[in-house]
Amino acid sequence: MTEVTGIDHIYIAVSDLDRSENFYDRVLLEALGFRKNKFTLGGDPHIQYFNRHFGYVLRPARNQTAHDPNAPGLHHFCLRVDSAEDVAAVATRLRHCGIETSDAQRYPEYAPDYWATYFTDPDGIRLEVTNYRQERRERHDNW
């Protein structure tokens, strides 16, 4: 059987491309070290943020229905960094970039070593940064 080795890209439809570009420039470029390019596809402008592992692409929405994380569809999107200390550093960098984010803290109800910070994009998409937990490392190493 063919194994999926990662997420290649994620597309997010946004209500205001300029507003979202400003937000994601601060989050993905300034706080998390992604790179960025722009392209047009099907006549629509697109903004792609990427690192060595995957791309996060913004495109204009075709209707203005508000995002509802409890409706069918995307609930939240979680990015992973290496350690709990990295989660805290990201939360600090996000705040310095003007992004409102929760304090980095441990959530033992999820896993004994689960650390996270949470924030929301301009369209209400909830984002999380968490650490690479022991259970995930063991799953990867002992697959």
N, C-alpha and C. Protein backbone atom coordinates (compact mmCIF):
# COMPACT_ATOMS: atom_id res chain seq x y z
N MET A 1 0.84 -1.18 0.00
CA MET A 1 0.00 0.00 0.00
C MET A 1 0.89 1.25 0.00
N THR A 2 0.48 2.27 -0.73
CA THR A 2 1.21 3.52 -0.78
C THR A 2 1.00 4.30 0.51
N GLU A 3 2.08 4.79 1.09
CA GLU A 3 2.00 5.56 2.33
C GLU A 3 1.93 7.05 2.04
N VAL A 4 1.03 7.75 2.71
CA VAL A 4 1.00 9.21 2.67
C VAL A 4 2.13 9.68 3.58
N THR A 5 2.99 10.55 3.08
CA THR A 5 4.16 10.96 3.85
C THR A 5 4.05 12.37 4.42
N GLY A 6 2.95 13.06 4.16
CA GLY A 6 2.79 14.39 4.72
C GLY A 6 1.64 15.13 4.06
N ILE A 7 1.40 16.31 4.52
CA ILE A 7 0.41 17.20 3.91
C ILE A 7 1.17 18.08 2.94
N ASP A 8 0.73 18.12 1.69
CA ASP A 8 1.41 18.92 0.68
C ASP A 8 1.02 20.39 0.77
N HIS A 9 -0.28 20.67 0.81
CA HIS A 9 -0.74 22.05 0.92
C HIS A 9 -2.15 22.09 1.47
N ILE A 10 -2.49 23.24 2.00
CA ILE A 10 -3.82 23.51 2.55
C ILE A 10 -4.30 24.80 1.92
N TYR A 11 -5.52 24.83 1.42
CA TYR A 11 -6.11 26.02 0.82
C TYR A 11 -7.12 26.61 1.79
N ILE A 12 -7.04 27.90 2.02
CA ILE A 12 -7.98 28.61 2.87
C ILE A 12 -8.63 29.71 2.03
N ALA A 13 -9.95 29.70 1.94
CA ALA A 13 -10.68 30.78 1.27
C ALA A 13 -10.93 31.89 2.28
N VAL A 14 -10.56 33.11 1.91
CA VAL A 14 -10.64 34.23 2.85
C VAL A 14 -11.56 35.32 2.30
N SER A 15 -12.19 36.06 3.22
CA SER A 15 -13.15 37.09 2.82
C SER A 15 -12.47 38.36 2.33
N ASP A 16 -11.27 38.64 2.82
CA ASP A 16 -10.54 39.85 2.45
C ASP A 16 -9.07 39.47 2.31
N LEU A 17 -8.61 39.33 1.07
CA LEU A 17 -7.26 38.84 0.82
C LEU A 17 -6.20 39.75 1.43
N ASP A 18 -6.35 41.05 1.33
CA ASP A 18 -5.36 41.97 1.90
C ASP A 18 -5.29 41.85 3.41
N ARG A 19 -6.44 41.80 4.07
CA ARG A 19 -6.47 41.67 5.53
C ARG A 19 -5.85 40.35 5.98
N SER A 20 -6.18 39.27 5.28
CA SER A 20 -5.61 37.97 5.63
C SER A 20 -4.12 37.91 5.33
N GLU A 21 -3.69 38.53 4.25
CA GLU A 21 -2.26 38.56 3.94
C GLU A 21 -1.50 39.27 5.06
N ASN A 22 -2.03 40.37 5.55
CA ASN A 22 -1.39 41.08 6.66
C ASN A 22 -1.29 40.18 7.89
N PHE A 23 -2.35 39.48 8.22
CA PHE A 23 -2.37 38.58 9.37
C PHE A 23 -1.36 37.44 9.19
N TYR A 24 -1.45 36.74 8.06
CA TYR A 24 -0.59 35.58 7.85
C TYR A 24 0.87 35.96 7.60
N ASP A 25 1.13 37.16 7.10
CA ASP A 25 2.53 37.63 7.04
C ASP A 25 3.12 37.66 8.45
N ARG A 26 2.35 38.17 9.40
CA ARG A 26 2.85 38.25 10.78
C ARG A 26 2.99 36.87 11.40
N VAL A 27 2.01 36.00 11.16
CA VAL A 27 2.04 34.66 11.76
C VAL A 27 3.08 33.77 11.09
N LEU A 28 2.94 33.59 9.78
CA LEU A 28 3.75 32.59 9.10
C LEU A 28 5.13 33.10 8.70
N LEU A 29 5.25 34.34 8.26
CA LEU A 29 6.57 34.86 7.88
C LEU A 29 7.37 35.28 9.11
N GLU A 30 6.80 36.21 9.89
CA GLU A 30 7.55 36.80 11.00
C GLU A 30 7.71 35.85 12.18
N ALA A 31 6.64 35.18 12.59
CA ALA A 31 6.71 34.36 13.81
C ALA A 31 7.20 32.94 13.55
N LEU A 32 6.92 32.39 12.34
CA LEU A 32 7.23 30.98 12.11
C LEU A 32 8.23 30.72 10.98
N GLY A 33 8.72 31.76 10.31
CA GLY A 33 9.80 31.58 9.35
C GLY A 33 9.45 30.95 8.01
N PHE A 34 8.18 31.00 7.61
CA PHE A 34 7.79 30.50 6.29
C PHE A 34 8.32 31.45 5.22
N ARG A 35 8.21 31.06 3.98
CA ARG A 35 8.47 31.91 2.82
C ARG A 35 7.13 32.15 2.12
N LYS A 36 7.15 33.02 1.10
CA LYS A 36 5.89 33.43 0.48
C LYS A 36 6.08 33.67 -1.01
N ASN A 37 5.06 33.31 -1.78
CA ASN A 37 4.99 33.75 -3.17
C ASN A 37 3.53 34.02 -3.53
N LYS A 38 3.33 34.62 -4.69
CA LYS A 38 1.98 34.92 -5.16
C LYS A 38 1.84 34.38 -6.57
N PHE A 39 0.61 33.96 -6.91
CA PHE A 39 0.33 33.49 -8.25
C PHE A 39 -1.15 33.68 -8.53
N THR A 40 -1.51 33.56 -9.79
CA THR A 40 -2.91 33.64 -10.21
C THR A 40 -3.31 32.29 -10.76
N LEU A 41 -4.48 31.83 -10.35
CA LEU A 41 -5.00 30.55 -10.82
C LEU A 41 -6.49 30.74 -11.11
N GLY A 42 -6.90 30.41 -12.32
CA GLY A 42 -8.31 30.58 -12.69
C GLY A 42 -8.77 32.02 -12.60
N GLY A 43 -7.85 32.95 -12.80
CA GLY A 43 -8.18 34.37 -12.71
C GLY A 43 -8.19 34.93 -11.31
N ASP A 44 -7.98 34.10 -10.29
CA ASP A 44 -8.00 34.54 -8.90
C ASP A 44 -6.58 34.67 -8.35
N PRO A 45 -6.30 35.76 -7.64
CA PRO A 45 -4.99 35.88 -6.99
C PRO A 45 -4.88 34.89 -5.83
N HIS A 46 -3.71 34.33 -5.66
CA HIS A 46 -3.43 33.40 -4.57
C HIS A 46 -2.15 33.84 -3.87
N ILE A 47 -2.08 33.60 -2.59
CA ILE A 47 -0.87 33.88 -1.80
C ILE A 47 -0.49 32.57 -1.13
N GLN A 48 0.73 32.12 -1.39
CA GLN A 48 1.19 30.85 -0.84
C GLN A 48 2.31 31.09 0.17
N TYR A 49 2.12 30.56 1.36
CA TYR A 49 3.16 30.53 2.39
C TYR A 49 3.66 29.09 2.43
N PHE A 50 4.96 28.91 2.56
CA PHE A 50 5.48 27.54 2.54
C PHE A 50 6.75 27.44 3.36
N ASN A 51 6.97 26.23 3.87
CA ASN A 51 8.25 25.88 4.46
C ASN A 51 8.72 24.60 3.75
N ARG A 52 9.69 23.92 4.30
CA ARG A 52 10.20 22.71 3.64
C ARG A 52 9.17 21.59 3.60
N HIS A 53 8.12 21.67 4.40
CA HIS A 53 7.21 20.55 4.57
C HIS A 53 5.86 20.69 3.86
N PHE A 54 5.32 21.89 3.77
CA PHE A 54 4.00 22.05 3.15
C PHE A 54 3.73 23.52 2.84
N GLY A 55 2.65 23.73 2.09
CA GLY A 55 2.20 25.08 1.76
C GLY A 55 0.85 25.39 2.38
N TYR A 56 0.64 26.66 2.66
CA TYR A 56 -0.61 27.18 3.21
C TYR A 56 -1.03 28.29 2.28
N VAL A 57 -2.10 28.09 1.53
CA VAL A 57 -2.46 28.99 0.43
C VAL A 57 -3.74 29.74 0.75
N LEU A 58 -3.71 31.05 0.50
CA LEU A 58 -4.90 31.89 0.64
C LEU A 58 -5.46 32.16 -0.75
N ARG A 59 -6.77 32.11 -0.86
CA ARG A 59 -7.45 32.46 -2.10
C ARG A 59 -8.72 33.23 -1.73
N PRO A 60 -9.22 34.07 -2.61
CA PRO A 60 -10.45 34.80 -2.28
C PRO A 60 -11.65 33.87 -2.19
N ALA A 61 -12.49 34.12 -1.20
CA ALA A 61 -13.74 33.36 -1.06
C ALA A 61 -14.70 33.78 -2.16
N ARG A 62 -15.57 32.88 -2.53
CA ARG A 62 -16.56 33.19 -3.57
C ARG A 62 -17.89 33.59 -2.96
N ASN A 63 -18.06 33.39 -1.66
CA ASN A 63 -19.22 33.92 -0.96
C ASN A 63 -18.74 34.36 0.42
N GLN A 64 -19.56 35.07 1.13
CA GLN A 64 -19.14 35.68 2.39
C GLN A 64 -19.78 35.02 3.61
N THR A 65 -20.03 33.74 3.56
CA THR A 65 -20.55 33.02 4.71
C THR A 65 -19.49 32.96 5.79
N ALA A 66 -19.86 33.30 7.01
CA ALA A 66 -18.89 33.30 8.11
C ALA A 66 -18.45 31.87 8.43
N HIS A 67 -17.19 31.72 8.83
CA HIS A 67 -16.67 30.41 9.23
C HIS A 67 -17.30 30.00 10.56
N ASP A 68 -17.73 28.76 10.64
CA ASP A 68 -18.29 28.21 11.87
C ASP A 68 -17.51 26.95 12.21
N PRO A 69 -16.63 26.99 13.22
CA PRO A 69 -15.81 25.83 13.52
C PRO A 69 -16.59 24.62 14.02
N ASN A 70 -17.87 24.80 14.36
CA ASN A 70 -18.67 23.67 14.83
C ASN A 70 -19.61 23.12 13.77
N ALA A 71 -19.57 23.71 12.57
CA ALA A 71 -20.32 23.16 11.44
C ALA A 71 -19.44 22.12 10.75
N PRO A 72 -20.00 21.28 9.90
CA PRO A 72 -19.15 20.36 9.15
C PRO A 72 -18.07 21.14 8.41
N GLY A 73 -16.88 20.62 8.44
CA GLY A 73 -15.74 21.29 7.80
C GLY A 73 -14.61 21.46 8.80
N LEU A 74 -13.77 22.41 8.54
CA LEU A 74 -12.58 22.64 9.36
C LEU A 74 -12.95 23.15 10.75
N HIS A 75 -12.51 22.45 11.78
CA HIS A 75 -12.69 22.90 13.16
C HIS A 75 -11.53 23.81 13.56
N HIS A 76 -10.30 23.33 13.39
CA HIS A 76 -9.12 24.15 13.62
C HIS A 76 -7.94 23.54 12.89
N PHE A 77 -6.89 24.32 12.76
CA PHE A 77 -5.67 23.86 12.09
C PHE A 77 -4.53 23.98 13.08
N CYS A 78 -3.78 22.89 13.25
CA CYS A 78 -2.72 22.85 14.26
C CYS A 78 -1.36 22.68 13.60
N LEU A 79 -0.44 23.57 13.95
CA LEU A 79 0.95 23.48 13.52
C LEU A 79 1.77 22.90 14.65
N ARG A 80 2.81 22.14 14.31
CA ARG A 80 3.63 21.52 15.35
C ARG A 80 5.04 22.07 15.31
N VAL A 81 5.56 22.38 16.49
CA VAL A 81 6.96 22.74 16.68
C VAL A 81 7.59 21.67 17.56
N ASP A 82 8.89 21.75 17.79
CA ASP A 82 9.58 20.65 18.44
C ASP A 82 9.26 20.50 19.93
N SER A 83 9.23 21.58 20.68
CA SER A 83 9.20 21.46 22.14
C SER A 83 8.20 22.42 22.78
N ALA A 84 7.94 22.19 24.07
CA ALA A 84 7.10 23.11 24.84
C ALA A 84 7.73 24.50 24.88
N GLU A 85 9.05 24.56 24.96
CA GLU A 85 9.74 25.85 24.96
C GLU A 85 9.52 26.58 23.63
N ASP A 86 9.47 25.81 22.53
CA ASP A 86 9.20 26.42 21.23
C ASP A 86 7.78 26.96 21.16
N VAL A 87 6.83 26.27 21.76
CA VAL A 87 5.45 26.76 21.81
C VAL A 87 5.41 28.11 22.52
N ALA A 88 6.09 28.20 23.65
CA ALA A 88 6.14 29.47 24.41
C ALA A 88 6.81 30.56 23.59
N ALA A 89 7.88 30.22 22.88
CA ALA A 89 8.58 31.21 22.06
C ALA A 89 7.69 31.70 20.92
N VAL A 90 6.94 30.80 20.31
CA VAL A 90 6.03 31.19 19.23
C VAL A 90 4.95 32.12 19.79
N ALA A 91 4.37 31.79 20.94
CA ALA A 91 3.34 32.65 21.53
C ALA A 91 3.90 34.05 21.77
N THR A 92 5.12 34.14 22.25
CA THR A 92 5.76 35.44 22.48
C THR A 92 5.97 36.18 21.17
N ARG A 93 6.47 35.48 20.14
CA ARG A 93 6.70 36.13 18.84
C ARG A 93 5.38 36.59 18.23
N LEU A 94 4.33 35.78 18.36
CA LEU A 94 3.03 36.18 17.83
C LEU A 94 2.55 37.47 18.50
N ARG A 95 2.68 37.55 19.80
CA ARG A 95 2.26 38.77 20.51
C ARG A 95 3.09 39.97 20.06
N HIS A 96 4.38 39.77 19.86
CA HIS A 96 5.23 40.87 19.38
C HIS A 96 4.85 41.31 17.98
N CYS A 97 4.22 40.41 17.22
CA CYS A 97 3.75 40.73 15.87
C CYS A 97 2.33 41.30 15.89
N GLY A 98 1.76 41.48 17.07
CA GLY A 98 0.42 42.04 17.19
C GLY A 98 -0.70 41.03 17.07
N ILE A 99 -0.40 39.75 17.22
CA ILE A 99 -1.42 38.71 17.13
C ILE A 99 -1.86 38.34 18.55
N GLU A 100 -3.17 38.39 18.80
CA GLU A 100 -3.70 37.97 20.10
C GLU A 100 -3.66 36.45 20.16
N THR A 101 -2.99 35.92 21.16
CA THR A 101 -2.87 34.48 21.31
C THR A 101 -2.98 34.11 22.78
N SER A 102 -3.38 32.89 23.04
CA SER A 102 -3.44 32.43 24.42
C SER A 102 -2.03 32.23 24.96
N ASP A 103 -1.93 32.21 26.28
CA ASP A 103 -0.65 31.85 26.88
C ASP A 103 -0.30 30.43 26.47
N ALA A 104 0.97 30.17 26.27
CA ALA A 104 1.41 28.79 26.05
C ALA A 104 1.27 28.08 27.39
N GLN A 105 0.57 26.97 27.38
CA GLN A 105 0.40 26.23 28.62
C GLN A 105 0.23 24.75 28.34
N ARG A 106 0.36 23.97 29.40
CA ARG A 106 0.22 22.52 29.32
C ARG A 106 -1.25 22.16 29.44
N TYR A 107 -1.67 21.18 28.65
CA TYR A 107 -3.04 20.66 28.66
C TYR A 107 -2.98 19.16 28.95
N PRO A 108 -2.84 18.78 30.22
CA PRO A 108 -2.69 17.36 30.56
C PRO A 108 -3.92 16.52 30.22
N GLU A 109 -5.08 17.16 30.04
CA GLU A 109 -6.27 16.40 29.66
C GLU A 109 -6.14 15.84 28.24
N TYR A 110 -5.27 16.43 27.41
CA TYR A 110 -5.02 15.93 26.05
C TYR A 110 -3.91 14.88 26.04
N ALA A 111 -2.83 15.18 26.75
CA ALA A 111 -1.68 14.26 26.90
C ALA A 111 -0.81 14.85 28.00
N PRO A 112 -0.05 14.02 28.69
CA PRO A 112 0.75 14.53 29.81
C PRO A 112 1.73 15.64 29.41
N ASP A 113 2.20 15.61 28.17
CA ASP A 113 3.21 16.59 27.72
C ASP A 113 2.67 17.50 26.62
N TYR A 114 1.36 17.73 26.59
CA TYR A 114 0.72 18.54 25.56
C TYR A 114 0.79 20.02 25.94
N TRP A 115 1.52 20.81 25.14
CA TRP A 115 1.61 22.25 25.31
C TRP A 115 1.04 22.90 24.06
N ALA A 116 0.34 24.03 24.21
CA ALA A 116 -0.25 24.68 23.05
C ALA A 116 -0.49 26.16 23.31
N THR A 117 -0.60 26.89 22.21
CA THR A 117 -1.09 28.25 22.20
C THR A 117 -2.13 28.32 21.08
N TYR A 118 -3.18 29.15 21.28
CA TYR A 118 -4.30 29.22 20.36
C TYR A 118 -4.54 30.67 19.93
N PHE A 119 -4.96 30.83 18.67
CA PHE A 119 -5.30 32.16 18.15
C PHE A 119 -6.24 31.97 16.97
N THR A 120 -6.79 33.06 16.45
CA THR A 120 -7.82 33.00 15.42
C THR A 120 -7.48 33.96 14.29
N ASP A 121 -7.70 33.51 13.05
CA ASP A 121 -7.41 34.38 11.91
C ASP A 121 -8.57 35.35 11.68
N PRO A 122 -8.43 36.31 10.76
CA PRO A 122 -9.48 37.33 10.58
C PRO A 122 -10.85 36.78 10.17
N ASP A 123 -10.90 35.57 9.60
CA ASP A 123 -12.18 34.99 9.22
C ASP A 123 -12.72 34.01 10.25
N GLY A 124 -12.07 33.91 11.40
CA GLY A 124 -12.55 33.04 12.46
C GLY A 124 -12.00 31.64 12.43
N ILE A 125 -11.03 31.36 11.57
CA ILE A 125 -10.40 30.04 11.56
C ILE A 125 -9.48 29.94 12.76
N ARG A 126 -9.71 28.93 13.58
CA ARG A 126 -8.93 28.77 14.79
C ARG A 126 -7.63 28.05 14.45
N LEU A 127 -6.55 28.57 15.01
CA LEU A 127 -5.21 28.02 14.77
C LEU A 127 -4.58 27.65 16.10
N GLU A 128 -3.73 26.66 16.07
CA GLU A 128 -3.05 26.17 17.26
C GLU A 128 -1.61 25.87 16.90
N VAL A 129 -0.73 26.09 17.84
CA VAL A 129 0.66 25.62 17.74
C VAL A 129 0.89 24.72 18.94
N THR A 130 1.33 23.49 18.68
CA THR A 130 1.58 22.53 19.74
C THR A 130 2.98 21.95 19.60
N ASN A 131 3.40 21.22 20.62
CA ASN A 131 4.72 20.60 20.62
C ASN A 131 4.66 19.17 20.07
N TYR A 132 5.83 18.68 19.67
CA TYR A 132 5.97 17.30 19.18
C TYR A 132 6.04 16.40 20.41
N ARG A 133 4.89 15.84 20.75
CA ARG A 133 4.76 15.09 21.99
C ARG A 133 5.37 13.69 21.89
N GLN A 134 5.65 13.12 23.04
CA GLN A 134 6.29 11.81 23.11
C GLN A 134 5.49 10.73 22.38
N GLU A 135 4.18 10.75 22.55
CA GLU A 135 3.34 9.75 21.87
C GLU A 135 3.50 9.86 20.35
N ARG A 136 3.56 11.07 19.82
CA ARG A 136 3.73 11.27 18.38
C ARG A 136 5.11 10.81 17.93
N ARG A 137 6.12 11.10 18.73
CA ARG A 137 7.49 10.67 18.40
C ARG A 137 7.57 9.14 18.36
N GLU A 138 6.97 8.50 19.36
CA GLU A 138 6.99 7.04 19.42
C GLU A 138 6.22 6.43 18.25
N ARG A 139 5.08 7.03 17.92
CA ARG A 139 4.30 6.55 16.77
C ARG A 139 5.17 6.61 15.51
N HIS A 140 5.84 7.74 15.33
CA HIS A 140 6.69 7.91 14.14
C HIS A 140 7.83 6.89 14.14
N ASP A 141 8.53 6.77 15.27
CA ASP A 141 9.73 5.94 15.32
C ASP A 141 9.44 4.45 15.33
N ASN A 142 8.24 4.06 15.80
CA ASN A 142 7.93 2.64 15.95
C ASN A 142 6.80 2.17 15.02
N TRP A 143 6.56 2.89 13.97
CA TRP A 143 5.46 2.57 13.07
C TRP A 143 5.59 1.15 12.57
